[in-house]
């Protein structure tokens, strides 16, 4: 139900925009999140956004990454600027059923996309 796209190879300092399209009726009343997982590391929550527009960003990406969503199109994007080699990872979008107005900093999500590789060269 979640299809992520937009990954690729970019030089340090460059930008990428990831997109995630959700199908089905679960997009409403949900939180949408972006995660990443680098080899040998745990999956990390990068950003999340509630249905009502509440957002959070992890300290590691704050000021560089921005999450946005279009409820009418059932999409959520992650704009990534000033990319660093340490941003290299597989990036996942995820959906969490929630009726809350404020998004929570949880890693417990109900549905996951397939992942898209982001590689940042130095």
N, C-alpha and C. Protein backbone atom coordinates (compact mmCIF):
# COMPACT_ATOMS: atom_id res chain seq x y z
N UNK A 1 0.80 -1.20 0.00
CA UNK A 1 0.00 0.00 0.00
C UNK A 1 0.84 1.26 0.00
N UNK A 2 2.14 1.14 0.24
CA UNK A 2 3.03 2.29 0.24
C UNK A 2 4.13 2.06 -0.79
N UNK A 3 4.31 3.03 -1.66
CA UNK A 3 5.30 2.93 -2.71
C UNK A 3 6.23 4.12 -2.63
N UNK A 4 7.49 3.86 -2.29
CA UNK A 4 8.48 4.93 -2.17
C UNK A 4 9.30 5.03 -3.44
N UNK A 5 9.72 6.25 -3.76
CA UNK A 5 10.54 6.47 -4.95
C UNK A 5 11.40 7.71 -4.73
N UNK A 6 12.36 7.91 -5.61
CA UNK A 6 13.16 9.13 -5.58
C UNK A 6 14.58 8.96 -5.09
N UNK A 7 14.94 7.77 -4.66
CA UNK A 7 16.30 7.56 -4.20
C UNK A 7 17.29 7.59 -5.36
N UNK A 8 18.57 7.55 -5.02
CA UNK A 8 19.58 7.55 -6.05
C UNK A 8 20.94 7.90 -5.50
N UNK A 9 21.84 8.21 -6.42
CA UNK A 9 23.21 8.59 -6.08
C UNK A 9 23.36 10.09 -6.24
N UNK A 10 23.91 10.73 -5.22
CA UNK A 10 24.10 12.19 -5.25
C UNK A 10 25.42 12.52 -4.55
N UNK A 11 26.01 13.62 -4.97
CA UNK A 11 27.24 14.06 -4.32
C UNK A 11 26.93 14.78 -3.01
N UNK A 12 27.89 14.77 -2.12
CA UNK A 12 27.73 15.49 -0.86
C UNK A 12 27.39 16.95 -1.14
N UNK A 13 26.44 17.46 -0.37
CA UNK A 13 25.97 18.82 -0.57
C UNK A 13 24.78 18.93 -1.50
N UNK A 14 24.46 17.85 -2.17
CA UNK A 14 23.34 17.84 -3.10
C UNK A 14 22.01 17.60 -2.42
N UNK A 15 20.98 17.48 -3.25
CA UNK A 15 19.62 17.32 -2.76
C UNK A 15 18.92 16.17 -3.46
N UNK A 16 17.97 15.59 -2.76
CA UNK A 16 17.08 14.60 -3.33
C UNK A 16 15.70 14.80 -2.71
N UNK A 17 14.69 14.42 -3.44
CA UNK A 17 13.33 14.46 -2.92
C UNK A 17 12.74 13.07 -3.03
N UNK A 18 12.40 12.51 -1.91
CA UNK A 18 11.75 11.20 -1.87
C UNK A 18 10.24 11.39 -1.85
N UNK A 19 9.56 10.47 -2.51
CA UNK A 19 8.10 10.52 -2.55
C UNK A 19 7.54 9.17 -2.14
N UNK A 20 6.40 9.22 -1.52
CA UNK A 20 5.72 7.99 -1.09
C UNK A 20 4.24 8.13 -1.40
N UNK A 21 3.72 7.18 -2.14
CA UNK A 21 2.31 7.18 -2.48
C UNK A 21 1.61 6.07 -1.71
N UNK A 22 0.51 6.41 -1.08
CA UNK A 22 -0.26 5.45 -0.30
C UNK A 22 -1.56 5.12 -1.02
N UNK A 23 -1.90 3.87 -1.06
CA UNK A 23 -3.16 3.47 -1.66
C UNK A 23 -4.05 2.87 -0.59
N UNK A 24 -5.32 2.83 -0.84
CA UNK A 24 -6.23 2.31 0.15
C UNK A 24 -6.84 3.41 0.99
N UNK A 25 -7.63 3.06 1.92
CA UNK A 25 -8.37 4.03 2.71
C UNK A 25 -7.72 4.34 4.04
N UNK A 26 -6.49 3.88 4.26
CA UNK A 26 -5.87 4.07 5.56
C UNK A 26 -5.13 5.38 5.69
N UNK A 27 -5.03 6.17 4.60
CA UNK A 27 -4.24 7.39 4.66
C UNK A 27 -4.85 8.43 5.58
N UNK A 28 -6.17 8.48 5.62
CA UNK A 28 -6.81 9.45 6.50
C UNK A 28 -6.61 9.03 7.96
N UNK A 29 -6.61 10.03 8.85
CA UNK A 29 -6.39 9.77 10.28
C UNK A 29 -5.15 8.92 10.51
N UNK A 30 -4.07 9.30 9.88
CA UNK A 30 -2.83 8.55 10.02
C UNK A 30 -1.65 9.48 10.20
N UNK A 31 -0.60 8.94 10.80
CA UNK A 31 0.70 9.61 10.79
C UNK A 31 1.52 8.97 9.67
N UNK A 32 2.28 9.78 8.98
CA UNK A 32 3.19 9.28 7.96
C UNK A 32 4.61 9.59 8.40
N UNK A 33 5.49 8.62 8.25
CA UNK A 33 6.87 8.82 8.69
C UNK A 33 7.87 8.38 7.65
N UNK A 34 9.05 8.96 7.76
CA UNK A 34 10.19 8.53 6.96
C UNK A 34 11.27 8.02 7.91
N UNK A 35 11.80 6.87 7.57
CA UNK A 35 12.84 6.22 8.34
C UNK A 35 14.02 5.94 7.41
N UNK A 36 15.14 5.59 8.00
CA UNK A 36 16.27 5.09 7.22
C UNK A 36 17.00 4.03 8.03
N UNK A 37 17.69 3.19 7.29
CA UNK A 37 18.50 2.16 7.94
C UNK A 37 19.78 1.98 7.14
N UNK A 38 20.88 2.25 7.81
CA UNK A 38 22.19 2.05 7.21
C UNK A 38 22.71 0.68 7.62
N UNK A 39 23.62 0.10 6.83
CA UNK A 39 24.15 -1.23 7.17
C UNK A 39 24.73 -1.26 8.58
N UNK A 40 24.31 -2.26 9.35
CA UNK A 40 24.83 -2.42 10.69
C UNK A 40 24.24 -1.50 11.73
N UNK A 41 23.25 -0.70 11.32
CA UNK A 41 22.62 0.25 12.25
C UNK A 41 21.14 -0.02 12.37
N UNK A 42 20.56 0.49 13.44
CA UNK A 42 19.12 0.34 13.64
C UNK A 42 18.35 1.30 12.75
N UNK A 43 17.12 0.95 12.51
CA UNK A 43 16.25 1.84 11.74
C UNK A 43 16.00 3.11 12.55
N UNK A 44 16.08 4.23 11.89
CA UNK A 44 16.01 5.54 12.55
C UNK A 44 14.83 6.34 12.01
N UNK A 45 14.04 6.89 12.91
CA UNK A 45 12.96 7.79 12.52
C UNK A 45 13.55 9.14 12.16
N UNK A 46 13.26 9.62 10.96
CA UNK A 46 13.79 10.90 10.50
C UNK A 46 12.77 12.02 10.63
N UNK A 47 11.55 11.74 10.23
CA UNK A 47 10.53 12.78 10.23
C UNK A 47 9.17 12.11 10.20
N UNK A 48 8.19 12.80 10.75
CA UNK A 48 6.83 12.28 10.75
C UNK A 48 5.86 13.44 10.71
N UNK A 49 4.67 13.14 10.20
CA UNK A 49 3.67 14.19 10.05
C UNK A 49 2.29 13.60 10.25
N UNK A 50 1.47 14.28 11.03
CA UNK A 50 0.13 13.80 11.29
C UNK A 50 -0.82 14.25 10.18
N UNK A 51 -2.00 13.69 10.21
CA UNK A 51 -3.04 14.06 9.24
C UNK A 51 -3.35 15.55 9.32
N UNK A 52 -3.29 16.10 10.53
CA UNK A 52 -3.66 17.50 10.72
C UNK A 52 -2.53 18.46 10.42
N UNK A 53 -1.31 17.94 10.17
CA UNK A 53 -0.21 18.83 9.81
C UNK A 53 0.88 18.98 10.84
N UNK A 54 0.70 18.36 11.99
CA UNK A 54 1.77 18.40 13.01
C UNK A 54 2.99 17.64 12.48
N UNK A 55 4.18 18.21 12.68
CA UNK A 55 5.40 17.60 12.15
C UNK A 55 6.47 17.49 13.20
N UNK A 56 7.35 16.55 13.01
CA UNK A 56 8.56 16.47 13.81
C UNK A 56 9.70 16.02 12.91
N UNK A 57 10.90 16.46 13.25
CA UNK A 57 12.10 16.04 12.54
C UNK A 57 13.16 15.64 13.56
N UNK A 58 13.89 14.59 13.25
CA UNK A 58 14.97 14.16 14.14
C UNK A 58 16.07 15.21 14.16
N UNK A 59 16.77 15.27 15.27
CA UNK A 59 17.86 16.24 15.40
C UNK A 59 18.92 16.05 14.32
N UNK A 60 19.12 14.80 13.91
CA UNK A 60 20.17 14.50 12.94
C UNK A 60 19.89 15.10 11.56
N UNK A 61 18.63 15.43 11.29
CA UNK A 61 18.29 15.96 9.96
C UNK A 61 17.60 17.31 10.03
N UNK A 62 17.36 17.81 11.22
CA UNK A 62 16.65 19.07 11.37
C UNK A 62 17.41 20.19 10.66
N UNK A 63 16.67 20.96 9.89
CA UNK A 63 17.29 22.04 9.12
C UNK A 63 17.76 21.61 7.75
N UNK A 64 17.84 20.31 7.51
CA UNK A 64 18.27 19.81 6.20
C UNK A 64 17.15 19.06 5.49
N UNK A 65 16.37 18.29 6.24
CA UNK A 65 15.28 17.50 5.67
C UNK A 65 13.94 18.12 6.07
N UNK A 66 12.97 18.02 5.18
CA UNK A 66 11.63 18.53 5.46
C UNK A 66 10.59 17.55 4.95
N UNK A 67 9.68 17.18 5.83
CA UNK A 67 8.58 16.29 5.45
C UNK A 67 7.38 17.12 5.07
N UNK A 68 6.64 16.64 4.08
CA UNK A 68 5.39 17.29 3.69
C UNK A 68 4.43 16.21 3.21
N UNK A 69 3.16 16.51 3.25
CA UNK A 69 2.18 15.53 2.77
C UNK A 69 1.04 16.25 2.09
N UNK A 70 0.44 15.55 1.17
CA UNK A 70 -0.73 16.04 0.45
C UNK A 70 -1.85 15.04 0.70
N UNK A 71 -2.77 15.40 1.57
CA UNK A 71 -3.83 14.47 1.95
C UNK A 71 -4.77 14.18 0.78
N UNK A 72 -4.93 15.12 -0.09
CA UNK A 72 -5.82 14.90 -1.24
C UNK A 72 -5.23 13.89 -2.22
N UNK A 73 -3.90 13.86 -2.31
CA UNK A 73 -3.23 12.95 -3.24
C UNK A 73 -2.70 11.69 -2.55
N UNK A 74 -2.84 11.61 -1.24
CA UNK A 74 -2.33 10.46 -0.48
C UNK A 74 -0.83 10.28 -0.68
N UNK A 75 -0.10 11.37 -0.61
CA UNK A 75 1.35 11.30 -0.78
C UNK A 75 2.06 11.99 0.37
N UNK A 76 3.27 11.54 0.64
CA UNK A 76 4.13 12.19 1.61
C UNK A 76 5.53 12.23 1.02
N UNK A 77 6.16 13.38 1.11
CA UNK A 77 7.48 13.59 0.53
C UNK A 77 8.51 13.90 1.61
N UNK A 78 9.75 13.69 1.27
CA UNK A 78 10.85 14.08 2.13
C UNK A 78 11.87 14.82 1.28
N UNK A 79 11.97 16.12 1.48
CA UNK A 79 12.96 16.93 0.78
C UNK A 79 14.25 16.88 1.58
N UNK A 80 15.32 16.45 0.91
CA UNK A 80 16.61 16.28 1.60
C UNK A 80 17.63 17.20 0.95
N UNK A 81 18.14 18.14 1.72
CA UNK A 81 19.14 19.08 1.24
C UNK A 81 20.44 18.90 2.01
N UNK A 82 21.49 19.46 1.47
CA UNK A 82 22.81 19.42 2.14
C UNK A 82 23.17 18.00 2.56
N UNK A 83 23.01 17.08 1.64
CA UNK A 83 23.23 15.67 1.97
C UNK A 83 24.69 15.40 2.29
N UNK A 84 24.88 14.45 3.21
CA UNK A 84 26.21 14.07 3.68
C UNK A 84 26.44 12.58 3.42
N UNK A 85 27.67 12.15 3.32
CA UNK A 85 27.91 10.71 3.13
C UNK A 85 27.25 9.85 4.21
N UNK A 86 27.16 10.36 5.41
CA UNK A 86 26.53 9.58 6.48
C UNK A 86 25.02 9.48 6.34
N UNK A 87 24.45 10.16 5.36
CA UNK A 87 23.02 10.00 5.07
C UNK A 87 22.76 8.78 4.19
N UNK A 88 23.82 8.13 3.74
CA UNK A 88 23.66 6.94 2.90
C UNK A 88 22.94 5.84 3.68
N UNK A 89 21.85 5.36 3.11
CA UNK A 89 21.02 4.35 3.77
C UNK A 89 19.88 3.96 2.84
N UNK A 90 19.13 2.97 3.28
CA UNK A 90 17.85 2.67 2.63
C UNK A 90 16.79 3.47 3.39
N UNK A 91 15.97 4.18 2.64
CA UNK A 91 14.95 5.04 3.22
C UNK A 91 13.58 4.41 3.03
N UNK A 92 12.79 4.46 4.08
CA UNK A 92 11.46 3.85 4.09
C UNK A 92 10.41 4.87 4.47
N UNK A 93 9.26 4.78 3.82
CA UNK A 93 8.11 5.52 4.32
C UNK A 93 7.21 4.53 5.06
N UNK A 94 6.44 5.05 5.97
CA UNK A 94 5.60 4.20 6.80
C UNK A 94 4.35 4.96 7.21
N UNK A 95 3.33 4.19 7.55
CA UNK A 95 2.04 4.75 7.95
C UNK A 95 1.62 4.17 9.28
N UNK A 96 1.12 5.04 10.11
CA UNK A 96 0.67 4.62 11.44
C UNK A 96 -0.75 5.12 11.63
N UNK A 97 -1.67 4.22 11.93
CA UNK A 97 -3.05 4.63 12.19
C UNK A 97 -3.09 5.47 13.46
N UNK A 98 -3.69 6.63 13.36
CA UNK A 98 -3.73 7.52 14.52
C UNK A 98 -4.82 8.55 14.34
N UNK A 99 -5.52 8.82 15.43
CA UNK A 99 -6.53 9.88 15.39
C UNK A 99 -6.06 11.14 16.07
N UNK A 100 -4.78 11.17 16.47
CA UNK A 100 -4.26 12.31 17.22
C UNK A 100 -3.90 13.46 16.29
N UNK A 101 -4.06 14.66 16.79
CA UNK A 101 -3.69 15.83 16.01
C UNK A 101 -2.18 16.04 16.01
N UNK A 102 -1.54 15.66 17.11
CA UNK A 102 -0.10 15.87 17.25
C UNK A 102 0.63 14.56 16.97
N UNK A 103 1.60 14.62 16.09
CA UNK A 103 2.35 13.42 15.75
C UNK A 103 3.27 13.04 16.90
N UNK A 104 3.38 11.74 17.14
CA UNK A 104 4.21 11.24 18.24
C UNK A 104 5.55 10.73 17.73
N UNK A 105 6.60 10.87 18.51
CA UNK A 105 7.93 10.38 18.11
C UNK A 105 8.09 8.89 18.36
N UNK A 106 7.21 8.09 17.79
CA UNK A 106 7.27 6.65 17.96
C UNK A 106 7.80 5.99 16.71
N UNK A 107 8.37 4.81 16.86
CA UNK A 107 8.83 4.04 15.71
C UNK A 107 7.89 2.88 15.40
N UNK A 108 6.77 2.82 16.10
CA UNK A 108 5.80 1.75 15.88
C UNK A 108 4.82 2.17 14.81
N UNK A 109 4.99 1.63 13.61
CA UNK A 109 4.14 1.94 12.48
C UNK A 109 3.48 0.67 11.97
N UNK A 110 2.36 0.84 11.29
CA UNK A 110 1.54 -0.30 10.87
C UNK A 110 1.87 -0.81 9.48
N UNK A 111 2.24 0.08 8.59
CA UNK A 111 2.51 -0.30 7.21
C UNK A 111 3.83 0.33 6.78
N UNK A 112 4.55 -0.43 5.94
CA UNK A 112 5.86 0.03 5.49
C UNK A 112 5.97 -0.07 3.98
N UNK A 113 6.67 0.89 3.40
CA UNK A 113 7.01 0.81 1.99
C UNK A 113 8.20 -0.10 1.78
N UNK A 114 8.59 -0.28 0.55
CA UNK A 114 9.63 -1.26 0.21
C UNK A 114 11.04 -0.72 0.40
N UNK A 115 11.20 0.58 0.56
CA UNK A 115 12.54 1.14 0.74
C UNK A 115 13.13 1.61 -0.57
N UNK A 116 13.88 2.70 -0.49
CA UNK A 116 14.59 3.22 -1.65
C UNK A 116 15.99 3.62 -1.21
N UNK A 117 16.98 3.25 -2.01
CA UNK A 117 18.37 3.46 -1.63
C UNK A 117 18.79 4.90 -1.93
N UNK A 118 19.43 5.51 -0.95
CA UNK A 118 20.05 6.82 -1.12
C UNK A 118 21.54 6.66 -0.83
N UNK A 119 22.36 7.05 -1.79
CA UNK A 119 23.80 6.97 -1.64
C UNK A 119 24.40 8.35 -1.87
N UNK A 120 25.15 8.82 -0.89
CA UNK A 120 25.77 10.14 -0.98
C UNK A 120 27.28 9.94 -1.05
N UNK A 121 27.86 10.38 -2.14
CA UNK A 121 29.30 10.23 -2.33
C UNK A 121 30.03 11.47 -1.83
N UNK A 122 31.24 11.24 -1.35
CA UNK A 122 32.03 12.36 -0.82
C UNK A 122 32.86 13.02 -1.91
